[in-house]
Protein backbone atom coordinates (compact mmCIF):
# COMPACT_ATOMS: atom_id res chain seq x y z
CA MET A 1 2.99 48.17 -44.06
CA GLU A 2 4.88 49.71 -47.01
CA HIS A 3 8.59 50.40 -47.54
CA HIS A 4 9.47 54.02 -48.15
CA GLY A 5 13.11 54.92 -48.67
CA THR A 6 15.02 54.42 -45.42
CA SER A 7 11.82 54.05 -43.42
CA CYS A 8 8.69 51.99 -43.49
CA ILE A 9 5.13 53.21 -43.39
CA ARG A 10 2.56 51.64 -41.06
CA LYS A 11 -1.09 52.36 -41.84
CA GLU A 12 -3.55 51.92 -39.02
CA ASP A 13 -7.03 53.40 -38.51
CA ASN A 14 -6.50 55.82 -41.43
CA LYS A 15 -3.38 57.17 -39.72
CA THR A 16 0.07 56.94 -41.20
CA GLN A 17 3.20 56.58 -39.08
CA ILE A 18 6.72 56.54 -40.46
CA LEU A 19 9.04 54.16 -38.60
CA PRO A 20 12.83 54.16 -38.94
CA ARG A 21 14.12 51.22 -40.98
CA ARG A 22 16.23 50.00 -38.08
CA TRP A 23 13.06 49.57 -36.01
CA PHE A 24 11.50 47.54 -38.75
CA PHE A 25 14.65 45.42 -39.03
CA CYS A 26 14.67 44.75 -35.26
CA PHE A 27 10.99 43.82 -35.41
CA CYS A 28 11.60 41.30 -38.21
CA VAL A 29 14.53 39.72 -36.35
CA ALA A 30 12.45 39.35 -33.20
CA LEU A 31 9.57 37.84 -35.18
CA CYS A 32 11.85 35.27 -36.82
CA ALA A 33 13.40 34.33 -33.49
CA THR A 34 9.98 33.89 -31.90
CA SER A 35 8.74 31.75 -34.80
CA ALA A 36 11.83 29.57 -34.56
CA THR A 37 11.28 29.11 -30.84
CA PHE A 38 7.69 27.90 -31.25
CA ALA A 39 8.44 25.70 -34.25
CA ARG A 40 11.45 24.03 -32.70
CA PRO A 41 11.06 20.73 -30.75
CA GLU A 42 12.67 20.51 -27.32
CA ILE A 43 15.84 18.89 -28.63
CA ASP A 44 19.23 19.96 -27.38
CA GLY A 45 22.43 18.73 -28.97
CA GLU A 46 24.24 21.58 -30.70
CA LYS A 47 27.95 22.04 -30.58
CA ALA A 48 29.25 24.15 -27.71
CA ASN A 49 32.80 25.49 -28.03
CA GLY A 50 33.38 23.09 -30.89
CA GLU A 51 32.28 20.03 -28.90
CA HIS A 52 29.13 18.05 -29.54
CA ARG A 53 26.79 17.84 -26.57
CA PRO A 54 24.60 14.78 -25.95
CA ILE A 55 21.15 15.13 -27.53
CA SER A 56 18.22 15.38 -25.10
CA VAL A 57 14.53 15.22 -25.97
CA ASN A 58 12.15 16.41 -23.26
CA GLY A 59 14.48 15.31 -20.49
CA VAL A 60 15.56 12.04 -22.11
CA PHE A 61 19.14 11.50 -23.29
CA PRO A 62 19.17 8.63 -25.84
CA SER A 63 22.91 8.17 -25.23
CA LEU A 64 22.14 7.30 -21.58
CA THR A 65 20.27 4.12 -22.48
CA VAL A 66 20.98 0.74 -20.95
CA LEU A 67 20.90 -1.94 -23.64
CA ALA A 68 21.06 -5.72 -23.41
CA LYS A 69 23.67 -6.96 -25.89
CA GLY A 70 23.24 -9.76 -28.39
CA THR A 71 20.49 -12.21 -29.13
CA GLY A 72 21.30 -14.18 -25.99
CA SER A 73 19.91 -11.33 -23.89
CA ASP A 74 16.27 -12.37 -24.29
CA SER A 75 15.33 -10.77 -21.00
CA GLU A 76 14.75 -7.40 -19.38
CA ALA A 77 17.21 -4.53 -19.34
CA GLY A 78 15.99 -2.33 -16.53
CA ILE A 79 17.75 0.25 -14.38
CA GLY A 80 17.16 -1.08 -10.89
CA ALA A 81 18.71 1.59 -8.67
CA LEU A 82 20.21 5.08 -8.73
CA ILE A 83 22.49 6.83 -6.27
CA PRO A 84 24.32 10.17 -6.40
CA TRP A 85 27.85 9.57 -5.09
CA ALA A 86 31.48 10.54 -5.66
CA GLU A 87 30.54 13.43 -7.97
CA LYS A 88 28.69 11.03 -10.30
CA LEU A 89 25.27 9.52 -10.72
CA TRP A 90 25.57 5.75 -10.40
CA ALA A 91 23.07 3.33 -11.90
CA VAL A 92 22.86 -0.44 -11.86
CA GLY A 93 21.10 -2.52 -14.50
CA TYR A 94 19.09 -5.65 -13.98
CA VAL A 95 17.94 -8.54 -16.09
CA ALA A 96 15.36 -11.16 -15.22
CA HIS A 97 16.68 -14.32 -13.58
CA ILE A 98 20.30 -13.20 -14.18
CA ARG A 99 20.00 -13.94 -17.89
CA GLY A 100 21.67 -11.94 -20.62
CA ASP A 101 24.83 -9.91 -21.02
CA GLY A 102 26.10 -6.37 -21.36
CA LEU A 103 24.52 -4.70 -18.33
CA GLY A 104 26.16 -3.73 -15.09
CA LEU A 105 27.29 -0.71 -13.12
CA TYR A 106 27.15 2.68 -14.83
CA GLU A 107 28.61 6.07 -13.91
CA ILE A 108 27.18 9.28 -15.36
CA GLY A 109 29.16 12.50 -15.29
CA GLU A 110 28.13 16.14 -15.26
CA GLU A 111 28.70 16.31 -19.03
CA MET A 112 25.87 13.76 -19.38
CA THR A 113 27.97 10.90 -20.68
CA MET A 114 27.71 7.37 -19.36
CA ARG A 115 30.37 4.72 -18.87
CA ARG A 116 29.85 1.07 -18.06
CA HIS A 117 32.30 0.46 -15.26
CA PRO A 118 34.99 -2.23 -15.76
CA ALA A 119 33.84 -3.92 -12.53
CA SER A 120 30.34 -4.40 -13.95
CA VAL A 121 28.40 -7.57 -13.24
CA THR A 122 25.32 -8.47 -15.29
CA GLY A 123 22.65 -9.49 -12.83
CA THR A 124 19.37 -8.67 -11.14
CA PHE A 125 19.99 -5.75 -8.78
CA ALA A 126 17.73 -3.07 -7.30
CA ASN A 127 19.45 -2.21 -4.02
CA ARG A 128 21.23 0.97 -2.96
CA MET A 129 22.34 2.58 0.28
CA VAL A 130 24.87 5.14 1.47
CA HIS A 131 26.81 3.86 4.48
CA TRP A 132 28.19 7.06 6.00
CA PRO A 133 30.24 5.46 8.82
CA SER A 134 32.51 3.78 6.24
CA GLY A 135 32.21 6.45 3.54
CA GLN A 136 30.82 4.02 0.97
CA ALA A 137 27.80 3.68 -1.26
CA PHE A 138 26.41 0.20 -1.88
CA ILE A 139 24.61 -0.43 -5.15
CA GLY A 140 24.09 -3.88 -6.62
CA PRO A 141 27.00 -6.11 -5.53
CA HIS A 142 29.37 -3.14 -5.39
CA ALA A 143 30.85 -0.88 -2.73
CA ILE A 144 32.01 2.55 -3.97
CA ASP A 145 34.20 4.81 -1.85
CA ALA A 146 34.12 8.60 -1.79
CA GLU A 147 36.68 8.82 -4.61
CA GLY A 148 34.69 6.55 -6.91
CA ASN A 149 36.80 3.43 -6.44
CA VAL A 150 34.72 0.29 -6.84
CA ARG A 151 34.94 -3.04 -5.03
CA THR A 152 32.75 -6.05 -5.79
CA ILE A 153 31.15 -8.36 -3.25
CA GLU A 154 32.15 -11.66 -4.80
CA SER A 155 29.88 -13.80 -2.63
CA LEU A 156 26.75 -11.84 -3.65
CA LYS A 157 27.32 -10.98 -7.30
CA LYS A 158 25.33 -13.99 -8.49
CA ARG A 159 22.40 -13.21 -6.20
CA ARG A 160 19.30 -11.19 -7.08
CA LEU A 161 19.72 -8.31 -4.62
CA THR A 162 16.71 -6.16 -3.74
CA ALA A 163 17.67 -4.13 -0.67
CA THR A 164 20.63 -2.99 1.44
CA ILE A 165 19.77 -1.63 4.89
CA ALA A 166 21.34 -0.56 8.18
CA HIS A 167 22.45 -3.13 10.74
CA LEU A 168 20.48 -3.29 14.00
CA THR A 169 23.34 -3.84 16.46
CA ASP A 170 26.56 -2.92 14.63
CA PRO A 171 25.62 -0.16 12.18
CA LYS A 172 29.17 1.21 11.91
CA ASN A 173 30.71 -2.00 10.63
CA LYS A 174 27.92 -4.03 9.05
CA VAL A 175 24.88 -3.83 6.78
CA TYR A 176 22.15 -6.26 5.75
CA PHE A 177 21.38 -7.46 2.22
CA LEU A 178 18.06 -8.97 1.09
CA GLY A 179 17.78 -11.25 -1.94
CA MET A 180 14.73 -11.88 -4.08
CA GLU A 181 14.74 -15.55 -3.11
CA GLY A 182 14.42 -14.62 0.56
CA ARG A 183 18.03 -14.96 1.63
CA PHE A 184 19.04 -12.42 4.26
CA TRP A 185 22.75 -11.70 4.75
CA GLU A 186 24.97 -9.71 7.04
CA LEU A 187 27.95 -7.99 5.39
CA ASP A 188 31.18 -6.62 6.86
CA VAL A 189 31.61 -3.22 5.17
CA LYS A 190 35.41 -3.38 5.34
CA THR A 191 36.19 -6.94 4.25
CA LEU A 192 32.99 -7.36 2.17
CA GLU A 193 32.59 -10.83 3.62
CA SER A 194 28.97 -11.94 3.86
CA LYS A 195 27.22 -14.27 6.26
CA LEU A 196 23.83 -15.86 5.60
CA LEU A 197 21.51 -15.21 8.54
CA PHE A 198 18.10 -16.41 7.36
CA ASN A 199 16.16 -18.12 4.65
CA LEU A 200 13.00 -16.05 4.94
CA VAL A 201 11.00 -18.44 2.80
CA GLU A 202 11.20 -20.85 5.72
CA GLU A 203 11.01 -18.25 8.48
CA LEU A 204 7.86 -16.67 7.02
CA GLU A 205 6.24 -19.90 5.79
CA ILE A 206 5.96 -18.95 2.12
CA ARG A 207 4.82 -22.32 0.84
CA PRO A 208 3.63 -23.59 -1.57
CA ALA A 209 4.37 -20.55 -3.71
CA LYS A 210 7.20 -18.81 -5.51
CA GLU A 211 8.83 -16.20 -3.29
CA HIS A 212 9.49 -12.72 -4.69
CA PHE A 213 11.05 -10.46 -2.05
CA LYS A 214 11.32 -6.75 -2.76
CA GLY A 215 11.85 -3.85 -0.37
CA ALA A 216 13.31 -3.72 3.13
CA TYR A 217 14.01 -1.09 5.75
CA SER A 218 15.76 -0.92 9.10
CA GLY A 219 14.78 1.52 11.83
CA ALA A 220 13.01 1.95 15.15
CA GLY A 221 14.74 -1.21 16.41
CA ARG A 222 13.41 -3.51 13.70
CA VAL A 223 14.01 -4.81 10.20
CA VAL A 224 10.94 -4.79 7.93
CA VAL A 225 10.82 -6.89 4.73
CA ALA A 226 8.30 -7.26 1.91
CA ASN A 227 7.43 -10.23 -0.28
CA ASN A 228 4.96 -9.56 -3.10
CA THR A 229 3.95 -13.04 -4.23
CA TYR A 230 0.61 -12.59 -6.01
CA ASP A 231 -1.16 -14.16 -8.96
CA GLU A 232 -4.62 -15.50 -9.70
CA LYS A 233 -4.53 -17.79 -6.66
CA GLU A 234 -4.25 -14.79 -4.34
CA HIS A 235 -6.87 -12.94 -6.37
CA LEU A 236 -9.30 -15.84 -5.90
CA GLY A 237 -8.48 -16.24 -2.21
CA GLN A 238 -6.97 -19.69 -2.69
CA ARG A 239 -3.55 -18.72 -1.26
CA ASP A 240 -1.95 -15.92 0.79
CA ALA A 241 1.78 -16.08 0.09
CA GLY A 242 2.45 -12.33 0.17
CA ARG A 243 4.13 -11.05 3.32
CA LEU A 244 4.99 -8.00 5.36
CA ALA A 245 7.17 -9.04 8.28
CA GLU A 246 9.50 -7.61 10.90
CA TRP A 247 12.51 -8.83 12.89
CA ASP A 248 13.49 -7.30 16.22
CA GLY A 249 16.87 -9.01 16.30
CA LYS A 250 15.42 -12.05 18.05
CA LYS A 251 12.39 -13.32 16.19
CA TRP A 252 10.45 -12.77 12.97
CA THR A 253 6.81 -11.69 13.15
CA ILE A 254 4.36 -11.66 10.23
CA ILE A 255 2.50 -8.34 10.12
CA GLU A 256 0.23 -9.06 7.16
CA ARG A 257 -0.30 -11.94 4.74
CA ASN A 258 -0.79 -9.87 1.59
CA PRO A 259 1.68 -8.90 -1.14
CA PHE A 260 3.94 -5.98 -0.17
CA VAL A 261 6.60 -4.35 -2.30
CA GLY A 262 7.89 -0.98 -1.07
CA VAL A 263 9.28 -0.27 2.39
CA GLY A 264 10.75 3.07 3.44
CA GLY A 265 10.98 5.37 6.38
CA SER A 266 11.74 8.73 7.86
CA ALA A 267 14.29 8.66 10.65
CA SER A 268 13.05 11.90 12.18
CA GLY A 269 13.34 12.99 15.79
CA ASP A 270 10.58 13.45 18.30
CA SER A 271 9.79 16.92 16.94
CA TYR A 272 8.54 15.21 13.76
CA GLY A 273 6.56 12.63 15.68
CA GLY A 274 9.33 10.04 15.87
CA HIS A 275 10.74 7.43 13.51
CA ALA A 276 8.09 6.36 11.00
CA ILE A 277 8.17 3.29 8.73
CA TYR A 278 5.94 2.94 5.64
CA ALA A 279 5.13 -0.18 3.64
CA THR A 280 2.98 -0.46 0.51
CA GLY A 281 1.15 -3.52 -0.73
CA TRP A 282 -2.24 -4.42 -2.10
CA THR A 283 -5.27 -6.66 -1.96
CA LYS A 284 -7.81 -7.50 -4.63
CA SER A 285 -9.78 -4.39 -3.68
CA SER A 286 -7.21 -1.65 -2.92
CA VAL A 287 -3.67 -0.53 -2.24
CA VAL A 288 -2.57 -1.05 1.37
CA LEU A 289 -0.37 1.41 3.26
CA ARG A 290 0.96 0.17 6.60
CA VAL A 291 2.56 2.75 8.90
CA PHE A 292 4.64 2.11 12.02
CA THR A 293 4.64 5.03 14.46
CA LYS A 294 4.95 5.34 18.21
CA GLY A 295 5.44 1.60 18.67
CA LYS A 296 2.47 0.29 16.69
CA TRP A 297 1.33 -0.45 13.14
CA SER A 298 -1.64 1.32 11.52
CA ARG A 299 -3.42 0.41 8.29
CA TYR A 300 -4.68 2.72 5.55
CA LEU A 301 -6.14 2.03 2.11
CA LEU A 302 -5.51 3.86 -1.18
CA PRO A 303 -7.04 3.59 -4.66
CA LYS A 304 -5.43 1.73 -7.53
CA ALA A 305 -4.66 3.81 -10.60
CA SER A 306 -4.34 0.66 -12.71
CA HIS A 307 -4.73 -3.10 -12.48
CA SER A 308 -1.53 -3.50 -14.52
CA TRP A 309 0.40 -3.92 -11.27
CA ASP A 310 -1.77 -6.74 -9.89
CA HIS A 311 0.91 -9.42 -10.23
CA ALA A 312 4.18 -10.10 -8.44
CA TRP A 313 6.20 -9.69 -11.65
CA ASN A 314 4.57 -6.41 -12.66
CA THR A 315 5.72 -4.30 -9.73
CA GLU A 316 9.29 -3.28 -10.60
CA TRP A 317 9.91 -1.66 -8.11
CA MET A 318 7.47 0.82 -6.50
CA ARG A 319 9.41 2.90 -4.01
CA ILE A 320 9.10 5.14 -0.98
CA ARG A 321 12.05 7.54 -1.03
CA HIS A 322 13.17 10.96 0.10
CA ALA A 323 12.80 12.70 -3.24
CA VAL A 324 14.18 15.98 -1.90
CA THR A 325 15.24 17.08 1.57
CA GLU A 326 12.50 16.29 4.11
CA ARG A 327 10.05 15.39 1.32
CA LEU A 328 8.97 11.79 0.83
CA LEU A 329 7.67 10.59 -2.52
CA MET A 330 5.72 7.35 -2.81
CA ASP A 331 5.07 5.47 -6.05
CA VAL A 332 2.53 2.66 -5.82
CA HIS A 333 0.20 0.97 -8.29
CA GLY A 334 0.44 3.64 -10.96
CA MET A 335 0.17 6.69 -8.71
CA PHE A 336 2.77 9.07 -7.29
CA TYR A 337 1.93 10.50 -3.86
CA GLU A 338 3.31 13.26 -1.71
CA LEU A 339 4.00 11.67 1.69
CA PRO A 340 4.93 14.22 4.39
CA ALA A 341 7.66 12.97 6.72
CA LEU A 342 5.56 13.71 9.78
CA SER A 343 3.80 11.39 12.18
CA TYR A 344 2.20 13.71 14.72
CA GLU A 345 -0.24 11.93 17.05
CA GLY A 346 0.90 8.65 15.50
CA LYS A 347 -0.91 9.52 12.26
CA ILE A 348 0.20 10.28 8.71
CA TRP A 349 -0.56 13.82 7.58
CA GLY A 350 -1.47 15.32 4.27
CA ILE A 351 -0.87 12.35 1.96
CA ARG A 352 -2.18 13.32 -1.46
CA PRO A 353 -1.95 12.02 -5.02
CA ILE A 354 0.27 13.84 -7.51
CA CYS A 355 -0.41 11.97 -10.74
CA SER A 356 -1.37 8.66 -12.29
CA HIS A 357 0.98 6.98 -14.77
CA LEU A 358 1.98 3.78 -16.56
CA ARG A 359 5.75 4.32 -16.27
CA VAL A 360 7.63 1.53 -14.54
CA THR A 361 9.93 3.50 -12.24
CA PRO A 362 12.36 1.27 -10.34
CA ASP A 363 14.06 4.23 -8.64
CA PHE A 364 14.28 8.02 -8.47
CA CYS A 365 16.57 10.58 -6.90
CA TYR A 366 17.91 14.12 -7.22
CA TRP A 367 21.30 14.76 -8.83
CA ARG A 368 22.92 18.07 -9.79
CA GLY A 369 19.65 19.95 -9.51
CA MET A 370 17.65 17.46 -11.58
CA PHE A 371 15.03 14.95 -10.56
CA VAL A 372 15.99 11.63 -12.17
CA MET A 373 13.77 8.61 -12.81
CA SER A 374 15.03 5.23 -13.94
CA SER A 375 12.87 2.81 -15.89
CA ASP A 376 12.18 -0.70 -17.15
CA GLN A 377 10.88 0.01 -20.64
CA ILE A 378 11.33 -2.52 -23.42
CA ASP A 379 11.30 -6.24 -22.69
CA HIS A 380 12.35 -8.91 -25.19
CA ASP A 381 8.76 -9.10 -26.41
CA GLN A 382 9.16 -5.77 -28.20
CA GLY A 383 12.72 -6.08 -29.49
CA GLN A 384 16.15 -5.46 -28.01
CA PRO A 385 15.67 -4.99 -24.24
CA GLN A 386 16.53 -1.45 -23.14
CA SER A 387 15.69 1.29 -20.68
CA GLY A 388 16.55 4.94 -20.24
CA LEU A 389 16.60 7.75 -17.71
CA TRP A 390 14.48 10.87 -17.45
CA PHE A 391 15.86 14.19 -16.14
CA GLY A 392 13.63 17.05 -15.06
CA ASN A 393 12.11 18.72 -12.03
CA ILE A 394 10.08 16.98 -9.36
CA ASP A 395 7.17 19.34 -9.97
CA ASP A 396 7.01 18.05 -13.56
CA LEU A 397 5.23 15.03 -12.09
CA TRP A 398 2.10 17.17 -11.78
CA ASN A 399 2.02 17.31 -15.59
CA MET A 400 1.58 13.55 -15.91
CA GLY A 401 -1.84 11.91 -15.78
CA LYS A 402 -4.45 13.49 -13.53
CA PRO A 403 -5.01 11.49 -10.32
CA CYS A 404 -7.77 8.93 -10.73
CA GLY A 405 -8.41 5.42 -9.54
CA TRP A 406 -10.67 2.96 -7.81
CA GLY A 407 -10.79 0.69 -4.80
CA GLY A 408 -12.40 0.20 -1.46
CA PRO A 409 -12.29 -1.55 1.89
CA TRP A 410 -14.67 -4.40 1.04
CA TRP A 411 -15.01 -6.70 -1.95
CA GLN A 412 -17.68 -9.29 -1.12
CA THR A 413 -16.28 -9.30 2.40
CA PRO A 414 -17.96 -10.74 5.51
CA VAL A 415 -18.46 -7.81 7.89
CA LYS A 416 -19.81 -7.49 11.41
CA ALA A 417 -22.39 -4.92 12.39
CA GLY A 418 -20.81 -1.76 13.77
CA SER A 419 -17.28 -2.72 12.69
CA ALA A 420 -15.78 0.19 10.75
CA SER A 421 -13.58 -0.40 7.73
CA ASP A 422 -9.99 0.77 7.44
CA PRO A 423 -9.66 4.43 6.34
CA PHE A 424 -9.72 4.90 2.56
CA LEU A 425 -8.03 7.93 0.96
CA MET A 426 -10.46 10.55 -0.32
CA THR A 427 -8.54 13.77 -0.91
CA GLY A 428 -6.96 14.87 -4.19
CA PHE A 429 -9.57 13.60 -6.65
CA ASP A 430 -12.32 15.42 -8.55
CA LYS A 431 -15.38 13.26 -9.11
CA LYS A 432 -16.22 10.70 -6.42
CA VAL A 433 -18.79 7.93 -6.20
CA VAL A 434 -19.21 4.97 -3.86
CA HIS A 435 -20.89 1.70 -4.81
CA LEU A 436 -22.52 -0.27 -1.98
CA ALA A 437 -23.77 -3.84 -2.22
CA HIS A 438 -24.65 -6.78 0.00
CA GLU A 439 -25.72 -10.40 -0.37
CA SER A 440 -28.35 -10.59 2.39
CA ASP A 441 -32.03 -11.44 2.17
CA HIS A 442 -32.84 -8.32 4.21
CA SER A 443 -32.08 -4.64 3.78
CA VAL A 444 -28.75 -3.36 5.09
CA ARG A 445 -28.03 0.16 6.29
CA PHE A 446 -24.53 1.49 5.52
CA LYS A 447 -22.95 4.37 7.43
CA ILE A 448 -20.36 6.59 5.76
CA GLU A 449 -17.99 8.60 7.95
CA VAL A 450 -15.31 11.11 6.99
CA ASP A 451 -12.16 12.36 8.66
CA PHE A 452 -11.48 15.84 7.27
CA LEU A 453 -8.79 16.68 9.85
CA GLY A 454 -6.69 13.62 9.08
CA ASN A 455 -6.10 12.62 12.70
CA GLY A 456 -8.78 9.99 13.21
CA THR A 457 -11.61 12.39 14.10
CA TRP A 458 -14.59 10.77 12.41
CA LYS A 459 -17.89 12.49 11.60
CA LYS A 460 -20.99 10.90 10.10
CA TYR A 461 -21.50 11.96 6.50
CA ASP A 462 -24.62 9.96 5.66
CA GLU A 463 -26.49 6.69 6.03
CA ILE A 464 -27.65 4.76 2.98
CA LEU A 465 -30.23 1.97 3.08
CA VAL A 466 -29.51 -0.74 0.52
CA PRO A 467 -32.73 -2.75 -0.05
CA SER A 468 -32.81 -6.50 -0.22
CA SER A 469 -34.68 -6.34 -3.53
CA THR A 470 -31.65 -5.03 -5.41
CA GLY A 471 -28.81 -5.46 -2.92
CA TYR A 472 -27.21 -2.39 -4.47
CA ALA A 473 -27.05 1.39 -4.20
CA HIS A 474 -24.60 4.10 -5.09
CA HIS A 475 -23.92 7.62 -3.94
CA GLU A 476 -22.33 10.45 -5.87
CA PHE A 477 -20.50 12.93 -3.66
CA PRO A 478 -21.13 16.60 -4.50
CA ASP A 479 -18.55 18.38 -6.64
CA GLY A 480 -16.00 20.02 -4.41
CA PHE A 481 -16.65 17.74 -1.44
CA SER A 482 -13.59 16.06 0.02
CA ALA A 483 -11.98 14.81 3.21
CA HIS A 484 -8.67 13.19 4.01
CA TRP A 485 -10.20 9.78 4.76
CA VAL A 486 -13.51 7.98 4.46
CA ARG A 487 -14.69 4.75 6.10
CA VAL A 488 -17.79 2.57 5.99
CA SER A 489 -19.70 0.39 8.45
CA THR A 490 -23.02 -1.46 8.48
CA TYR A 491 -25.78 -1.88 11.05
CA GLN A 492 -26.27 -5.57 10.21
CA ASP A 493 -23.96 -8.53 9.72
CA CYS A 494 -23.61 -9.28 6.03
CA THR A 495 -21.30 -9.94 3.11
CA ALA A 496 -20.71 -6.46 1.76
CA THR A 497 -18.95 -4.50 -0.94
CA ALA A 498 -17.93 -0.85 -0.61
CA TYR A 499 -16.05 0.40 -3.64
CA PHE A 500 -15.06 3.96 -4.55
CA MET A 501 -14.47 5.33 -8.04
CA TYR A 502 -12.43 8.54 -8.38
CA ASN A 503 -12.37 10.35 -11.72
């Protein structure tokens, strides 16, 4: 291209075209703008109307960081809970074992600035609940009215609070609080006076072990609580101090003696299949999903995306929440799942993995059109404890790690002939292989069944003979093959392993 007076000359295929100079000028401006767009990082913080806006980098606002103050704060500085309320986004920080200083209750405004509220209490808090009958939101040891006025529950501010849930018999005037040490209180929402109802360590026989209560939920005429005690003793089968338990207002019943952490639900009407309750935990071999529908508990198994969560202290705080209206999101063991709020036929429908990740995500919610995730990011081992928030869209989760994981129903487990395993999730992964092993002195035939409808309709996929000479075989599923659930059984009594790898 050559300049020529007030025009420019473009030579192409031995043809010459004369373009007006103004066209050339517009072309150059557009080219510069495009180059600037591609070269520029996703950082926003310019001045608007003479005022400086908070800088954001890929959905993270550094100014919205929770920091532990001083060298005495040699602990965590996580953001334990989030709740949109009174025109603001409220967040509560938590430290380990109520050590440290400088954290508390935070309010974030639409201009993306954060203020530590004067009523702040530094503690270990991960609870939140909106109590609509009284027009209050509970988060940490605080009650916030619809105008943003904050009251503090003096009797609970020194407790490690993990859940606030609806009352079984007086939901208009009372709520329940669960503490990490297993204390279970009743609270008057008007006076904020609390009453200790139970020490769940004693009620649920968590001895000799260190209790570590997490999630709770109230619905379908019961309170469900989770305790996730787990370390090498549980891994080796020397102890079973984890718990999933329920209370019907009269007595406590232990549902499962494994570590559980997240409990949530969908209070839907009969057209959705009724009120469903979900609880997530794990064993040495897999993630466990317990579901209460139509008056009974069912058990499903899911893969682990990482072993980093295989300890009571490493599970802050895997949740089951309504991420958006009528859409449940479940975070467990390094995997986000879509969990439809339906329980037709007493089953769960269409659960599928979204992504695998290493982010510790204590809570998530929607606020002012943005999907918000809290975090627990830097412990004292790496420097000054601190954590931030991420703002984006819920569908951005699909851009995180591709779903992958491992797990199975049996890990050197005594099994009876003809007894089918619990269903193990199969859908949503690319490459699939199952490893089969036994410890018998004779050959063992394994049967693999799949449920591709998702409602408990099982069809035989294949039978695999595992010889006594090796005690091992594996099967690679064809590319493109999938089903909602898979299960395994044997034709002989034996000690067996059935373990799936999804890549």
